[in-house]
Amino acid sequence: MLSIKRLLYVLSIVLVVSTLFLMYNINEERASHIGIRHSQEALAQPMASEGAISPQPLHFVVTGHSDKDLYRDIYKNVVRLLSDWKVSYTEATRLDAQLLQDDPIVILCDDTAGDYADLLELGAFIEQGGRVLFAAGLPEAYTDSYLWPFLGIKEKSLRENYNDLEFTGDLFPLQLERMTYDGYSLSTWINVSEKACVYIRDAEKQTPVLYTFDYGAGQTCLINGTFLSDTNCCGLLSSAIGLLAGDLVYPVLGIKAVFLDNFPMVTSVNDQLCMRLYGCSTESFVRDVVWAQFQGLSLRNDLRYTSSILAVASGEGGFPPIDDNLFNTIGKSALQYEGELVYAADCRDGESLLYNDNLLARFREAFTQYDINGLTLMNGTVFAEELTALPGVNITAVRGLLSDDNALHWDRDRFFFPGATFGNRMEEGNLFEIASVLSAYGMVSHVFDVNRFIALDEETAAWDQDKAQIGIFETDVLSRVEYLQPKTLSNTQNAVFSYVDLNYTWRRDGDRLYLDCDGAVRGQSFCLRTDSAITGAQGATYEEMGNGYYLLRLENSHAAITLA
């Protein structure tokens, strides 16, 4: 028989274990009914203008609309950025004296300038004080030899592909000494005058990739290659214009947004694979390792993640199973860090849509008071109205691609904000593209695919390879853009609304720079690229971005900036 002492000992163990099970069940019940609500910023009213908006101080003439796809894309991207900036520009099939008489900045979007201008007249325009941006590289052979003196070219050879870029001058507001471009540049080997001011070289051959050259009273700038056919390289355009203009003011978003796709996990990685690769279950690995890393990143850098879960796709194959505990736990944790949950679509235009009915049902059961209103378009998904017809959901915010025609768009039904850069690896092109987008649009908008952090295939422990890339993103990007406001997808609404609808002008008068706006929301951001330094401001706040760039945020529709 048991003694009284042993009986009490057994009862105490049973009581402790029962209490633990009870607490676990209570927590599970709480986790399965998450009462967090979704908050979205109300649409702000634009500030009233304090006077008439005068013409912009800079005018551009854009030419080079080629039949060749590569140069047509360059032309399209140049016109689009100027249109986004709301600056004055003229599109011309050929340059003539009348177009050049008002001292514009000329942008050539084809490598063969002679197809669009009389080279004698173009040379005279430069010599007499004109500014010309050769935005599409150089042609093969010697068809452009007349322009070599105006570009400071001493020798020229074959076309090559330059990917490893060395930054030798202050060009982007954020730049490393070396960054990689992962596209095809179609550059040309050249040797230029020692008087040329080189900002980017090929790291191996030291060939100039972007430089300016003074000739007579004028100045030229050459982007040596077809980089601008890639929308994410438009920072080369904005920075080159800044070099030619001296002072440049243009509207930007002023936002940092980080998207976690496939998170909370609806994963194809099963416990058996995760156990073999990492020695623990999928749930444990995601919760205790992967999510812990992103939590730290959020806390240290003031981030608000937009996490997307695959809700609609096209084609056959079905959807991965849902781990309810992981889904609830990670979803709740993401929201507690002021994040947002949205649905994701992985579809192709014209194909039938398949809804992840299991996920939609589980989400409504778990997040009883949370209203989804965001949709991310994954893998180049083409937007169609049918994608917004998810059961029980009112989609008002859509994340597309920066290259989309409606990448920055607002109307009464919904608005579009772009994911600009994608991928878990920073060193293979992402750092360069992030720095370029920051220069052109004053934002960081990057997308990680959390599922691919775990496993690329059954033999590759991707986390062991890629976890260091999160640290690179933090040290080389996030720690240097503290001036950007953290936003989730749905809370970029006011920034998009203001950016799309504003009208503005600016002018410099001595040591004062004046900025006037109409239709802008309070807090609208502008980049100021200047060779001077700001010493004070009225009607706006300012923060230094680096390399001659400042971020201005309007407090009134009229601002006056004092420069040294």
Foldseek 3Di string as FASTA:
>chain_A
DDDPVVVVVVVVVVVVVVVVVVVVVVVVVCLLADADADDADDAFFAFAFPDDFDAFPAEEEEEACDPDLLLVLLSVLVVVLCVLQVHHYHYDPADDPVVPVVQHEYEYSHQQNVRHYDVVVVVVSQQVAHEYEDEAAHDPDCNPVVCCVQQQWDDWDAWDFAFWKAFDALQFLADDRIAGAQDGWRFIATDGDPQKAAGIARPPPRGGQWIKHHHNNHIYIYRGGSQSSDSLQCLNVLRNVCVRVQKDKGFFLLAEAEEAECPVPLAPQAQVLLCVLPNGGPLCCCVPPVVVLVVVLCVVQVAQYEYEHEFKEFDDDATRHDDLVSRSVRVSVSVVSVYHYAYEYEYAPPTDMDGNVVVVVSCCSSHVNYAHAEYEYPPQHDDDPVVCPDPPHQHAFYEHEPPDPQQQDDDPRHTHHYQYEEDLACRNRNLSSQSSCCSSRVYHRYYYHSNVCQDPDSVDRNVVVRVVRVVCCCPSPSVLSSSGHHDYRSHSVLSSQQSVPKDKYWDDDVQKIKIAMRSHHFFGKMKIAHPWAWDDKDQWDWDRSHSRIIIITGRHRMMMTGTD
